[in-house]
Amino acid sequence: MAKDDLFQTSRSSRARRAGWRSAAAILGLLLAIGLVGGAWQLGRALVSFKQLDRSVVVKGLAEREVPADLAIWPLSFAEADNDVANLYRNLERKNAQLVEFLKAAGFDDKEIGSSAPSVVDKQAREYGGDDRSPFRYTGRATVTVYSTDVERVRATMSRVGELGQAGIAIGGDHGARPEFLFTGLNAIKPEMIEEATRNAREAAEKFARDSGSNLGKIRRASQGQFSIDDRDANTPHIKKLRVVSTVDYYLVD
């Protein structure tokens, strides 16, 4: 009887070990399936993320040429004399002549401004330098035209030679140059931004077609600063306006 009991106990132990091995195998299989499924889900997430991240950055340009609507024209002239009182009288006389010339050209008092003359006493300077001028005093004055009638300013500028014939030499001051401005930017900003954005989208659509994709939503966008420049050195009264819009679009299949 003892031998039969021992045999039964051995068989029971082997059965339990076989059951454990089967359970472990099933558990391992389930774990493997879970890992494979998890990796598949992770792979899908990565692919989806990469697809979502596909994008194209394009720039759209808008340009306009517009006439200036404001002119600032400084007319500077100089005088020299050994008598300071006489110097001031000559500067005042020429200033009056210049103002009269501008009024005759059609400018009114509101468009004409005169600055106080600047006078230098060469003997009073700390460093006289090697100035061989025979005159002790030199003076300079400026009359400035500030007008929205740009064409009138340009027409009058062509007549400056008449002032020379009257004894008034205009120029000699590098800071006294005519300036033409455009002040109506705000009125045309929306149109130019719309045009720049439209041009950017057209470029993005072409890229999408060429790459076999479709254009998605805007990812991000930025608008550059407006620039206003002279069309060229010879036509400062014609301005070139420019703006660039940068748009980042998603690409979808």
Protein backbone atom coordinates (compact mmCIF):
# COMPACT_ATOMS: atom_id res chain seq x y z
CA MET A 1 0.00 0.00 0.00
CA ALA A 2 2.82 2.39 0.72
CA LYS A 3 4.25 1.87 -2.73
CA ASP A 4 0.87 2.63 -4.39
CA ASP A 5 0.47 5.80 -2.33
CA LEU A 6 3.90 7.00 -3.37
CA PHE A 7 3.09 6.36 -7.01
CA GLN A 8 -0.17 8.31 -6.76
CA THR A 9 1.62 11.25 -5.11
CA SER A 10 4.23 11.37 -7.89
CA ARG A 11 1.57 11.35 -10.58
CA SER A 12 -0.27 14.19 -8.83
CA SER A 13 2.92 16.32 -8.66
CA ARG A 14 3.63 15.81 -12.33
CA ALA A 15 0.07 16.85 -13.19
CA ARG A 16 0.38 20.03 -11.13
CA ARG A 17 3.68 20.94 -12.81
CA ALA A 18 2.14 20.34 -16.24
CA GLY A 19 -0.77 22.60 -15.31
CA TRP A 20 1.59 25.31 -14.17
CA ARG A 21 3.55 25.09 -17.43
CA SER A 22 0.33 25.34 -19.44
CA ALA A 23 -0.82 28.35 -17.45
CA ALA A 24 2.57 30.00 -17.89
CA ALA A 25 2.48 29.33 -21.61
CA ILE A 26 -1.00 30.82 -21.92
CA LEU A 27 0.05 33.84 -19.86
CA GLY A 28 3.14 34.32 -22.04
CA LEU A 29 1.03 34.09 -25.16
CA LEU A 30 -1.39 36.69 -23.82
CA LEU A 31 1.51 38.95 -22.89
CA ALA A 32 3.01 38.60 -26.35
CA ILE A 33 -0.34 39.40 -27.95
CA GLY A 34 -0.67 42.42 -25.67
CA LEU A 35 2.80 43.69 -26.55
CA VAL A 36 2.18 43.24 -30.26
CA GLY A 37 -1.15 45.03 -29.98
CA GLY A 38 0.40 47.83 -27.95
CA ALA A 39 3.23 48.25 -30.43
CA TRP A 40 0.71 48.34 -33.27
CA GLN A 41 -1.28 51.05 -31.49
CA LEU A 42 1.93 52.98 -30.78
CA GLY A 43 2.95 52.66 -34.40
CA ARG A 44 -0.40 54.02 -35.49
CA ALA A 45 0.03 56.97 -33.13
CA LEU A 46 3.48 57.77 -34.48
CA VAL A 47 2.34 57.54 -38.06
CA SER A 48 -0.68 59.72 -37.33
CA PHE A 49 1.54 62.28 -35.62
CA LYS A 50 3.95 62.39 -38.53
CA GLN A 51 1.11 62.75 -40.97
CA LEU A 52 -0.36 65.54 -38.87
CA ASP A 53 3.03 67.25 -38.73
CA ARG A 54 3.45 67.38 -42.52
CA SER A 55 3.33 70.99 -43.59
CA VAL A 56 4.60 73.51 -46.11
CA VAL A 57 5.72 77.07 -45.43
CA VAL A 58 5.06 79.58 -48.21
CA LYS A 59 5.48 83.33 -48.65
CA GLY A 60 3.08 85.61 -50.46
CA LEU A 61 4.16 88.98 -51.84
CA ALA A 62 2.04 92.04 -52.56
CA GLU A 63 3.42 95.21 -54.17
CA ARG A 64 1.97 98.55 -55.22
CA GLU A 65 3.33 101.66 -56.90
CA VAL A 66 1.65 104.82 -55.66
CA PRO A 67 2.32 108.55 -56.05
CA ALA A 68 3.57 110.43 -53.00
CA ASP A 69 0.87 112.53 -51.32
CA LEU A 70 3.09 114.85 -49.27
CA ALA A 71 6.16 116.90 -50.19
CA ILE A 72 8.62 118.54 -47.80
CA TRP A 73 10.93 120.88 -49.68
CA PRO A 74 13.56 122.84 -47.72
CA LEU A 75 15.20 125.70 -49.62
CA SER A 76 18.44 126.66 -47.92
CA PHE A 77 20.56 129.69 -48.82
CA ALA A 78 23.71 131.27 -47.38
CA GLU A 79 25.17 134.75 -46.98
CA ALA A 80 28.57 136.12 -45.87
CA ASP A 81 29.66 139.56 -44.66
CA ASN A 82 32.10 141.34 -42.37
CA ASP A 83 29.28 143.36 -40.82
CA VAL A 84 26.96 141.15 -38.79
CA ALA A 85 24.06 143.62 -38.94
CA ASN A 86 24.34 143.82 -42.69
CA LEU A 87 24.48 140.01 -42.82
CA TYR A 88 21.16 139.71 -40.99
CA ARG A 89 19.56 142.33 -43.25
CA ASN A 90 20.65 140.40 -46.36
CA LEU A 91 19.37 137.12 -44.96
CA GLU A 92 16.02 138.72 -44.14
CA ARG A 93 15.76 140.31 -47.58
CA LYS A 94 16.49 137.05 -49.39
CA ASN A 95 14.09 135.20 -47.14
CA ALA A 96 11.31 137.63 -48.13
CA GLN A 97 12.20 137.24 -51.82
CA LEU A 98 12.05 133.47 -51.53
CA VAL A 99 8.67 133.52 -49.77
CA GLU A 100 7.31 135.86 -52.46
CA PHE A 101 8.56 133.49 -55.16
CA LEU A 102 6.76 130.55 -53.52
CA LYS A 103 3.51 132.47 -53.10
CA ALA A 104 3.63 133.47 -56.76
CA ALA A 105 3.95 129.75 -57.56
CA GLY A 106 0.64 129.09 -55.79
CA PHE A 107 1.61 128.12 -52.24
CA ASP A 108 -0.20 129.78 -49.33
CA ASP A 109 1.12 130.92 -45.96
CA LYS A 110 0.17 127.62 -44.27
CA GLU A 111 2.44 125.72 -46.65
CA ILE A 112 5.49 127.95 -46.14
CA GLY A 113 7.67 128.03 -43.04
CA SER A 114 10.82 130.04 -42.27
CA SER A 115 13.47 129.11 -39.73
CA ALA A 116 15.66 131.50 -37.76
CA PRO A 117 19.00 132.11 -39.50
CA SER A 118 22.15 130.46 -38.21
CA VAL A 119 25.16 132.82 -38.04
CA VAL A 120 28.80 131.91 -37.36
CA ASP A 121 31.51 134.35 -36.22
CA LYS A 122 34.74 132.77 -37.43
CA GLN A 123 36.92 134.87 -35.13
CA ALA A 124 34.95 133.73 -32.09
CA ARG A 125 35.46 130.04 -32.78
CA GLU A 126 37.90 128.23 -30.49
CA TYR A 127 39.49 126.48 -33.45
CA GLY A 128 39.51 128.74 -36.46
CA GLY A 129 41.21 126.28 -38.78
CA ASP A 130 42.72 127.32 -42.06
CA ASP A 131 39.75 129.32 -43.36
CA ARG A 132 40.94 131.84 -45.94
CA SER A 133 37.51 133.39 -46.51
CA PRO A 134 37.62 137.21 -46.54
CA PHE A 135 34.37 137.36 -44.55
CA ARG A 136 34.19 137.14 -40.79
CA TYR A 137 30.50 136.22 -40.58
CA THR A 138 28.60 133.53 -42.45
CA GLY A 139 24.89 132.87 -42.16
CA ARG A 140 22.40 130.32 -43.43
CA ALA A 141 18.61 130.33 -43.47
CA THR A 142 15.99 127.86 -44.67
CA VAL A 143 12.47 128.29 -46.02
CA THR A 144 10.49 125.03 -46.05
CA VAL A 145 7.51 124.12 -48.20
CA TYR A 146 5.18 121.55 -46.63
CA SER A 147 2.45 120.69 -49.13
CA THR A 148 0.13 117.91 -50.25
CA ASP A 149 0.21 119.35 -53.78
CA VAL A 150 3.15 117.22 -54.87
CA GLU A 151 2.88 118.14 -58.54
CA ARG A 152 3.01 121.86 -57.72
CA VAL A 153 6.14 121.28 -55.66
CA ARG A 154 7.80 119.37 -58.48
CA ALA A 155 6.88 122.05 -61.02
CA THR A 156 8.26 124.80 -58.78
CA MET A 157 11.47 122.86 -58.17
CA SER A 158 12.18 123.06 -61.88
CA ARG A 159 12.11 126.87 -61.61
CA VAL A 160 14.79 127.23 -58.93
CA GLY A 161 17.09 128.75 -61.55
CA GLU A 162 14.96 131.89 -61.40
CA LEU A 163 16.07 132.37 -57.80
CA GLY A 164 19.69 132.18 -58.87
CA GLN A 165 19.07 134.95 -61.38
CA ALA A 166 17.66 137.03 -58.50
CA GLY A 167 20.85 136.51 -56.49
CA ILE A 168 19.63 133.68 -54.24
CA ALA A 169 21.75 130.54 -54.52
CA ILE A 170 19.71 127.58 -53.27
CA GLY A 171 21.57 124.53 -51.98
CA GLY A 172 24.93 123.82 -50.48
CA ASP A 173 23.36 122.06 -47.49
CA HIS A 174 23.23 118.27 -47.76
CA GLY A 175 20.43 118.14 -45.21
CA ALA A 176 18.20 120.42 -47.28
CA ARG A 177 16.86 117.95 -49.82
CA PRO A 178 13.26 117.52 -50.94
CA GLU A 179 11.43 114.61 -49.38
CA PHE A 180 8.36 112.89 -50.80
CA LEU A 181 6.15 110.81 -48.54
CA PHE A 182 3.13 108.54 -48.83
CA THR A 183 0.72 108.80 -45.89
CA GLY A 184 -2.22 106.73 -47.17
CA LEU A 185 -0.89 103.29 -46.23
CA ASN A 186 -3.69 102.43 -43.79
CA ALA A 187 -6.30 102.80 -46.53
CA ILE A 188 -4.75 100.10 -48.74
CA LYS A 189 -3.29 97.82 -46.07
CA PRO A 190 -6.26 95.39 -46.03
CA GLU A 191 -6.16 94.92 -49.81
CA MET A 192 -2.44 94.28 -49.83
CA ILE A 193 -2.61 91.81 -46.94
CA GLU A 194 -5.43 89.96 -48.70
CA GLU A 195 -3.41 89.82 -51.91
CA ALA A 196 -0.28 88.59 -50.14
CA THR A 197 -2.26 85.88 -48.33
CA ARG A 198 -3.96 84.81 -51.56
CA ASN A 199 -0.62 84.56 -53.35
CA ALA A 200 0.76 82.46 -50.49
CA ARG A 201 -2.19 80.06 -50.71
CA GLU A 202 -1.79 79.70 -54.48
CA ALA A 203 1.86 78.77 -53.98
CA ALA A 204 0.91 76.25 -51.28
CA GLU A 205 -1.79 74.67 -53.46
CA LYS A 206 0.67 74.21 -56.31
CA PHE A 207 3.18 72.58 -53.97
CA ALA A 208 0.48 70.26 -52.62
CA ARG A 209 -0.57 69.20 -56.12
CA ASP A 210 3.01 68.58 -57.18
CA SER A 211 3.63 66.43 -54.10
CA GLY A 212 0.39 64.44 -54.46
CA SER A 213 -1.15 65.91 -51.32
CA ASN A 214 -4.06 68.11 -50.40
CA LEU A 215 -3.82 71.43 -48.65
CA GLY A 216 -5.06 71.42 -45.07
CA LYS A 217 -5.72 74.13 -42.54
CA ILE A 218 -3.37 76.94 -41.61
CA ARG A 219 -0.91 75.84 -38.96
CA ARG A 220 0.47 79.30 -38.28
CA ALA A 221 0.81 82.60 -40.13
CA SER A 222 2.77 85.82 -39.77
CA GLN A 223 2.70 89.13 -41.56
CA GLY A 224 5.87 91.06 -42.30
CA GLN A 225 6.31 94.80 -41.94
CA PHE A 226 5.17 97.10 -44.72
CA SER A 227 8.01 98.85 -46.53
CA ILE A 228 7.74 102.12 -48.45
CA ASP A 229 10.66 102.97 -50.72
CA ASP A 230 11.37 105.22 -53.68
CA ARG A 231 10.71 103.43 -56.95
CA ASP A 232 14.21 104.46 -57.99
CA ALA A 233 16.73 107.24 -57.39
CA ASN A 234 15.30 109.39 -60.20
CA THR A 235 11.63 109.21 -59.20
CA PRO A 236 11.40 109.74 -55.42
CA HIS A 237 7.82 111.01 -55.87
CA ILE A 238 6.73 107.48 -56.88
CA LYS A 239 6.68 105.04 -53.98
CA LYS A 240 6.87 101.25 -54.01
CA LEU A 241 4.87 99.57 -51.25
CA ARG A 242 5.69 95.98 -50.31
CA VAL A 243 4.51 93.40 -47.78
CA VAL A 244 5.23 89.69 -47.37
CA SER A 245 2.93 87.22 -45.58
CA THR A 246 4.34 83.90 -44.36
CA VAL A 247 1.84 81.04 -43.97
CA ASP A 248 2.41 77.47 -42.72
CA TYR A 249 -0.19 75.01 -44.10
CA TYR A 250 -0.82 71.40 -43.10
CA LEU A 251 -0.59 68.81 -45.87
CA VAL A 252 -3.05 65.89 -45.88
CA ASP A 253 -3.40 62.81 -48.08
